[in-house]
Structure formats: C-alpha cells, structure tokens
C-alpha atoms as a PDB file:
ATOM      1  CA  MET A   1     -10.449 -14.632   0.583  1.00  0.00           C
ATOM      2  CA  LYS A   2     -11.548 -11.567  -1.352  1.00  0.00           C
ATOM      3  CA  ILE A   3     -12.285  -8.464   0.523  1.00  0.00           C
ATOM      4  CA  SER A   4     -14.025  -5.217  -0.566  1.00  0.00           C
ATOM      5  CA  VAL A   5     -14.605  -2.324   1.364  1.00  0.00           C
ATOM      6  CA  ILE A   6     -17.640   0.053   1.566  1.00  0.00           C
ATOM      7  CA  LEU A   7     -16.808   3.352   3.423  1.00  0.00           C
ATOM      8  CA  TYR A   8     -20.245   5.092   4.175  1.00  0.00           C
ATOM      9  CA  ASN A   9     -20.353   8.777   4.593  1.00  0.00           C
ATOM     10  CA  LEU A  10     -16.888   9.062   6.457  1.00  0.00           C
ATOM     11  CA  ARG A  11     -15.922  12.466   6.868  1.00  0.00           C
ATOM     12  CA  SER A  12     -12.280  12.631   7.376  1.00  0.00           C
ATOM     13  CA  LEU A  13      -9.637  12.688   4.642  1.00  0.00           C
ATOM     14  CA  TYR A  14      -7.093  11.352   7.075  1.00  0.00           C
ATOM     15  CA  ASN A  15      -9.349   8.421   7.927  1.00  0.00           C
ATOM     16  CA  VAL A  16     -10.082   7.505   4.377  1.00  0.00           C
ATOM     17  CA  GLY A  17      -6.264   7.921   3.618  1.00  0.00           C
ATOM     18  CA  SER A  18      -5.272   5.673   6.460  1.00  0.00           C
ATOM     19  CA  ILE A  19      -7.889   3.047   5.353  1.00  0.00           C
ATOM     20  CA  PHE A  20      -6.644   2.965   1.621  1.00  0.00           C
ATOM     21  CA  ARG A  21      -3.011   2.245   3.279  1.00  0.00           C
ATOM     22  CA  THR A  22      -4.298  -0.558   5.397  1.00  0.00           C
ATOM     23  CA  ALA A  23      -6.387  -1.828   2.524  1.00  0.00           C
ATOM     24  CA  ASP A  24      -3.259  -1.968   0.387  1.00  0.00           C
ATOM     25  CA  ALA A  25      -1.327  -3.837   2.888  1.00  0.00           C
ATOM     26  CA  ALA A  26      -4.140  -6.233   3.479  1.00  0.00           C
ATOM     27  CA  GLY A  27      -4.770  -6.843  -0.157  1.00  0.00           C
ATOM     28  CA  VAL A  28      -8.191  -5.528  -0.410  1.00  0.00           C
ATOM     29  CA  GLU A  29      -9.600  -5.822  -3.844  1.00  0.00           C
ATOM     30  CA  LYS A  30     -11.737  -2.625  -4.242  1.00  0.00           C
ATOM     31  CA  ILE A  31     -12.922   0.372  -1.943  1.00  0.00           C
ATOM     32  CA  TYR A  32     -16.263   1.846  -2.615  1.00  0.00           C
ATOM     33  CA  LEU A  33     -16.501   5.480  -1.440  1.00  0.00           C
ATOM     34  CA  ALA A  34     -20.402   6.020  -0.631  1.00  0.00           C
ATOM     35  CA  GLY A  35     -22.002   9.187  -0.042  1.00  0.00           C
ATOM     36  CA  PHE A  36     -20.013  12.185   1.072  1.00  0.00           C
ATOM     37  CA  THR A  37     -16.939   9.994   1.876  1.00  0.00           C
ATOM     38  CA  PRO A  38     -14.148  11.876   0.102  1.00  0.00           C
ATOM     39  CA  ALA A  39     -12.328  10.406  -2.769  1.00  0.00           C
ATOM     40  CA  PRO A  40      -8.586  10.597  -3.504  1.00  0.00           C
ATOM     41  CA  LEU A  41      -9.543  13.221  -6.379  1.00  0.00           C
ATOM     42  CA  ASP A  42     -11.781  16.235  -5.597  1.00  0.00           C
ATOM     43  CA  VAL A  43     -14.602  17.235  -8.188  1.00  0.00           C
ATOM     44  CA  PHE A  44     -12.119  18.854 -10.288  1.00  0.00           C
ATOM     45  CA  LYS A  45      -9.927  15.698 -10.551  1.00  0.00           C
ATOM     46  CA  LYS A  46      -7.222  17.131  -8.355  1.00  0.00           C
ATOM     47  CA  PRO A  47      -5.424  15.270  -5.825  1.00  0.00           C
ATOM     48  CA  ARG A  48      -6.258  15.741  -2.200  1.00  0.00           C
ATOM     49  CA  PRO A  49      -3.039  16.531  -0.554  1.00  0.00           C
ATOM     50  CA  ARG A  50      -4.149  15.789   3.153  1.00  0.00           C
ATOM     51  CA  MET A  51      -5.386  12.411   2.106  1.00  0.00           C
ATOM     52  CA  LEU A  52      -2.438  11.442   0.094  1.00  0.00           C
ATOM     53  CA  LYS A  53      -0.146  12.380   2.816  1.00  0.00           C
ATOM     54  CA  VAL A  54      -1.755   9.660   4.606  1.00  0.00           C
ATOM     55  CA  SER A  55      -2.327   7.089   2.092  1.00  0.00           C
ATOM     56  CA  LEU A  56       1.213   7.153   0.795  1.00  0.00           C
ATOM     57  CA  GLY A  57       0.184   6.267  -2.943  1.00  0.00           C
ATOM     58  CA  ALA A  58      -2.140   3.285  -1.786  1.00  0.00           C
ATOM     59  CA  GLU A  59      -5.024   5.097  -3.700  1.00  0.00           C
ATOM     60  CA  LYS A  60      -3.188   4.060  -6.815  1.00  0.00           C
ATOM     61  CA  SER A  61      -2.731   0.428  -5.952  1.00  0.00           C
ATOM     62  CA  VAL A  62      -6.189  -0.128  -4.705  1.00  0.00           C
ATOM     63  CA  PRO A  63      -8.900   0.140  -6.976  1.00  0.00           C
ATOM     64  CA  TRP A  64     -11.795   2.453  -5.800  1.00  0.00           C
ATOM     65  CA  LYS A  65     -15.155   3.704  -6.909  1.00  0.00           C
ATOM     66  CA  LYS A  66     -17.281   6.673  -5.973  1.00  0.00           C
ATOM     67  CA  ILE A  67     -20.825   5.926  -5.454  1.00  0.00           C
ATOM     68  CA  SER A  68     -23.912   7.821  -4.345  1.00  0.00           C
ATOM     69  CA  GLN A  69     -25.297   7.412  -0.852  1.00  0.00           C
ATOM     70  CA  SER A  70     -28.589   6.340  -2.268  1.00  0.00           C
ATOM     71  CA  SER A  71     -26.869   3.646  -4.359  1.00  0.00           C
ATOM     72  CA  THR A  72     -25.372   1.881  -1.343  1.00  0.00           C
ATOM     73  CA  VAL A  73     -28.223  -0.500  -0.622  1.00  0.00           C
ATOM     74  CA  LYS A  74     -28.187  -1.513  -4.319  1.00  0.00           C
ATOM     75  CA  LEU A  75     -24.379  -2.225  -4.264  1.00  0.00           C
ATOM     76  CA  LEU A  76     -24.756  -4.337  -1.076  1.00  0.00           C
ATOM     77  CA  LYS A  77     -27.602  -6.367  -2.826  1.00  0.00           C
ATOM     78  CA  ASP A  78     -25.495  -6.576  -6.043  1.00  0.00           C
ATOM     79  CA  LEU A  79     -22.458  -7.799  -3.958  1.00  0.00           C
ATOM     80  CA  LYS A  80     -24.585 -10.317  -2.224  1.00  0.00           C
ATOM     81  CA  THR A  81     -25.802 -11.824  -5.596  1.00  0.00           C
ATOM     82  CA  LYS A  82     -21.958 -12.256  -6.656  1.00  0.00           C
ATOM     83  CA  GLY A  83     -21.271 -14.259  -3.517  1.00  0.00           C
ATOM     84  CA  TYR A  84     -20.191 -11.776  -0.980  1.00  0.00           C
ATOM     85  CA  LYS A  85     -21.193 -11.746   2.657  1.00  0.00           C
ATOM     86  CA  ILE A  86     -21.840  -8.375   3.936  1.00  0.00           C
ATOM     87  CA  LEU A  87     -20.259  -7.563   7.382  1.00  0.00           C
ATOM     88  CA  ALA A  88     -21.151  -4.412   9.015  1.00  0.00           C
ATOM     89  CA  ILE A  89     -18.953  -2.833  11.756  1.00  0.00           C
ATOM     90  CA  GLU A  90     -21.361  -1.296  14.135  1.00  0.00           C
ATOM     91  CA  GLN A  91     -22.448  -1.310  17.843  1.00  0.00           C
ATOM     92  CA  ASN A  92     -25.941  -2.415  18.370  1.00  0.00           C
ATOM     93  CA  LYS A  93     -28.171  -5.129  19.931  1.00  0.00           C
ATOM     94  CA  LYS A  94     -27.341  -7.661  17.212  1.00  0.00           C
ATOM     95  CA  SER A  95     -23.707  -7.208  17.059  1.00  0.00           C
ATOM     96  CA  LEU A  96     -21.322 -10.032  17.455  1.00  0.00           C
ATOM     97  CA  PRO A  97     -17.805  -9.247  19.119  1.00  0.00           C
ATOM     98  CA  TYR A  98     -15.324  -9.213  16.234  1.00  0.00           C
ATOM     99  CA  TYR A  99     -12.959 -11.869  17.832  1.00  0.00           C
ATOM    100  CA  LYS A 100     -15.882 -14.346  17.199  1.00  0.00           C
ATOM    101  CA  ILE A 101     -15.302 -14.177  13.590  1.00  0.00           C
ATOM    102  CA  HIS A 102     -14.179 -17.630  13.578  1.00  0.00           C
ATOM    103  CA  LYS A 103     -17.794 -18.501  12.893  1.00  0.00           C
ATOM    104  CA  ILE A 104     -17.689 -16.962   9.481  1.00  0.00           C
ATOM    105  CA  LYS A 105     -14.259 -18.335   8.467  1.00  0.00           C
ATOM    106  CA  ASP A 106     -15.860 -20.222   5.496  1.00  0.00           C
ATOM    107  CA  PHE A 107     -16.758 -17.065   3.657  1.00  0.00           C
ATOM    108  CA  LYS A 108     -14.822 -16.725   0.412  1.00  0.00           C
ATOM    109  CA  LYS A 109     -15.875 -13.160  -0.561  1.00  0.00           C
ATOM    110  CA  ILE A 110     -16.471 -10.393   2.095  1.00  0.00           C
ATOM    111  CA  ALA A 111     -17.917  -6.960   1.863  1.00  0.00           C
ATOM    112  CA  LEU A 112     -16.832  -4.880   4.932  1.00  0.00           C
ATOM    113  CA  VAL A 113     -18.981  -1.990   5.678  1.00  0.00           C
ATOM    114  CA  MET A 114     -17.449   0.898   7.901  1.00  0.00           C
ATOM    115  CA  GLY A 115     -19.640   3.912   8.742  1.00  0.00           C
ATOM    116  CA  ASN A 116     -19.747   7.616   9.456  1.00  0.00           C
ATOM    117  CA  GLU A 117     -17.335   8.695  12.343  1.00  0.00           C
ATOM    118  CA  ILE A 118     -20.354  10.121  14.533  1.00  0.00           C
ATOM    119  CA  LYS A 119     -23.718   8.427  13.316  1.00  0.00           C
ATOM    120  CA  GLY A 120     -22.223   5.005  12.092  1.00  0.00           C
ATOM    121  CA  LEU A 121     -24.303   3.064   9.698  1.00  0.00           C
ATOM    122  CA  PRO A 122     -28.047   3.744   9.031  1.00  0.00           C
ATOM    123  CA  SER A 123     -30.683   0.831   9.444  1.00  0.00           C
ATOM    124  CA  SER A 124     -31.035   0.714   5.597  1.00  0.00           C
ATOM    125  CA  VAL A 125     -27.603  -0.568   5.394  1.00  0.00           C
ATOM    126  CA  LEU A 126     -27.526  -2.863   8.466  1.00  0.00           C
ATOM    127  CA  VAL A 127     -30.473  -4.735   7.341  1.00  0.00           C
ATOM    128  CA  GLN A 128     -28.467  -5.930   4.257  1.00  0.00           C
ATOM    129  CA  ALA A 129     -25.578  -7.337   6.642  1.00  0.00           C
ATOM    130  CA  ASP A 130     -25.247 -10.843   7.043  1.00  0.00           C
ATOM    131  CA  LYS A 131     -23.292 -10.085  10.384  1.00  0.00           C
ATOM    132  CA  ILE A 132     -22.864  -7.198  12.424  1.00  0.00           C
ATOM    133  CA  LEU A 133     -19.500  -6.849  14.172  1.00  0.00           C
ATOM    134  CA  GLU A 134     -18.304  -4.763  17.013  1.00  0.00           C
ATOM    135  CA  ILE A 135     -15.145  -4.090  18.869  1.00  0.00           C
ATOM    136  CA  PRO A 136     -15.875  -4.253  22.540  1.00  0.00           C
ATOM    137  CA  MET A 137     -14.908  -1.111  24.470  1.00  0.00           C
ATOM    138  CA  LEU A 138     -13.359  -1.708  27.877  1.00  0.00           C
ATOM    139  CA  GLY A 139     -12.583   1.971  28.564  1.00  0.00           C
ATOM    140  CA  ARG A 140     -14.503   5.129  28.879  1.00  0.00           C
ATOM    141  CA  LYS A 141     -14.732   5.916  25.210  1.00  0.00           C
ATOM    142  CA  GLU A 142     -17.773   4.488  23.219  1.00  0.00           C
ATOM    143  CA  SER A 143     -15.597   3.655  19.920  1.00  0.00           C
ATOM    144  CA  LEU A 144     -12.331   3.487  18.222  1.00  0.00           C
ATOM    145  CA  ASN A 145     -11.323   5.542  15.305  1.00  0.00           C
ATOM    146  CA  VAL A 146     -12.743   4.088  12.091  1.00  0.00           C
ATOM    147  CA  SER A 147      -9.544   3.491  10.297  1.00  0.00           C
ATOM    148  CA  ILE A 148      -8.159   1.628  13.578  1.00  0.00           C
ATOM    149  CA  ALA A 149     -11.421  -0.435  13.849  1.00  0.00           C
ATOM    150  CA  PHE A 150     -10.858  -1.169  10.059  1.00  0.00           C
ATOM    151  CA  ALA A 151      -7.351  -2.365  10.560  1.00  0.00           C
ATOM    152  CA  ILE A 152      -8.383  -4.468  13.638  1.00  0.00           C
ATOM    153  CA  VAL A 153     -11.290  -6.266  11.635  1.00  0.00           C
ATOM    154  CA  VAL A 154      -9.605  -6.852   8.279  1.00  0.00           C
ATOM    155  CA  TYR A 155      -6.660  -8.354   9.725  1.00  0.00           C
ATOM    156  CA  ARG A 156      -8.766 -10.796  11.878  1.00  0.00           C
ATOM    157  CA  LEU A 157     -10.484 -11.750   8.761  1.00  0.00           C
ATOM    158  CA  LEU A 158      -7.162 -12.354   7.201  1.00  0.00           C
ATOM    159  CA  PHE A 159      -5.557 -14.322   9.887  1.00  0.00           C
ATOM    160  CA  ASN A 160      -8.229 -15.996  11.763  1.00  0.00           C
END
C-alpha cells in the first residue's frame, strides 16, 4: 500500500516534526505541506531546530513538498486521477470511525489528509474525500493531538 500525506494548515513545528518521524516509521511515500504548514526549512532555506528536534532526521528520509493552500484541492484531484483514494481525518456527520477502516482494505494508494489543530479541514477539502474518518472520543476532550491521530490512523491502514 502506498500512502501519501497532506498536512493542511498545521500550526505547530512540533506536530509536523512528529508526523515526519511517524511517516518515516510507517514508510509513507511523500508528505505535502499545504498552506501555512511549516516546512523543515524556513523561507531562507535554514533548518528549523524545533521541528528537527522532534523529527530526528526523518525530513531527510521522507520526501516532502510545500504547496499553497489554494492548490490543495487541485492536488487532491490530481492524486485521484493517479488512483489514490482520499481519506480525510475529521469529525463530522459523515465521518466513519477509523476502526471500521477494513471496509477500504482494497485501496492500493491512499492520500491521508490531516487538518489544522483548531479548525480542522474546510469543506472544500472534505468534498474531495472518498471517506472521512474520525477517532471516537470517550473522555471530555473533543479531539486528539493531530500527530497522535495521524499515528493511530496510518498504522491502522498498514496493519488492518
């Protein structure tokens, strides 16, 4: 199974670094950094120490590409034409619990879309998704940290 990841407007250097590290461990083929999601290198091409402290070099082993927020929908459409199934991680009325992912086990190529830590994913991105998955919350908090949610879902995909 091939897995690419789109990080849409993530704020935290630490979250992005953690996702890079987990992506390396999971064999993710590529990470797209959309909108204001920070890249491992700043605009002056200098490394971001806070991100690299968490990623531990995974930004060198997992290919990545910075894309604009406005090109995210185009990217998703392009990935669909290449045979990718788009899975968005978001809590909404159409979301399916992630553990029911066995219903999509035949997908050979997956693009996993993770949204902003506060606002999640916009409807313009969600309408591109073949499936919307959520991690049910049993406690008082409404959501998990985005890097933790990514780890749970990507490993469920791999070892379903």
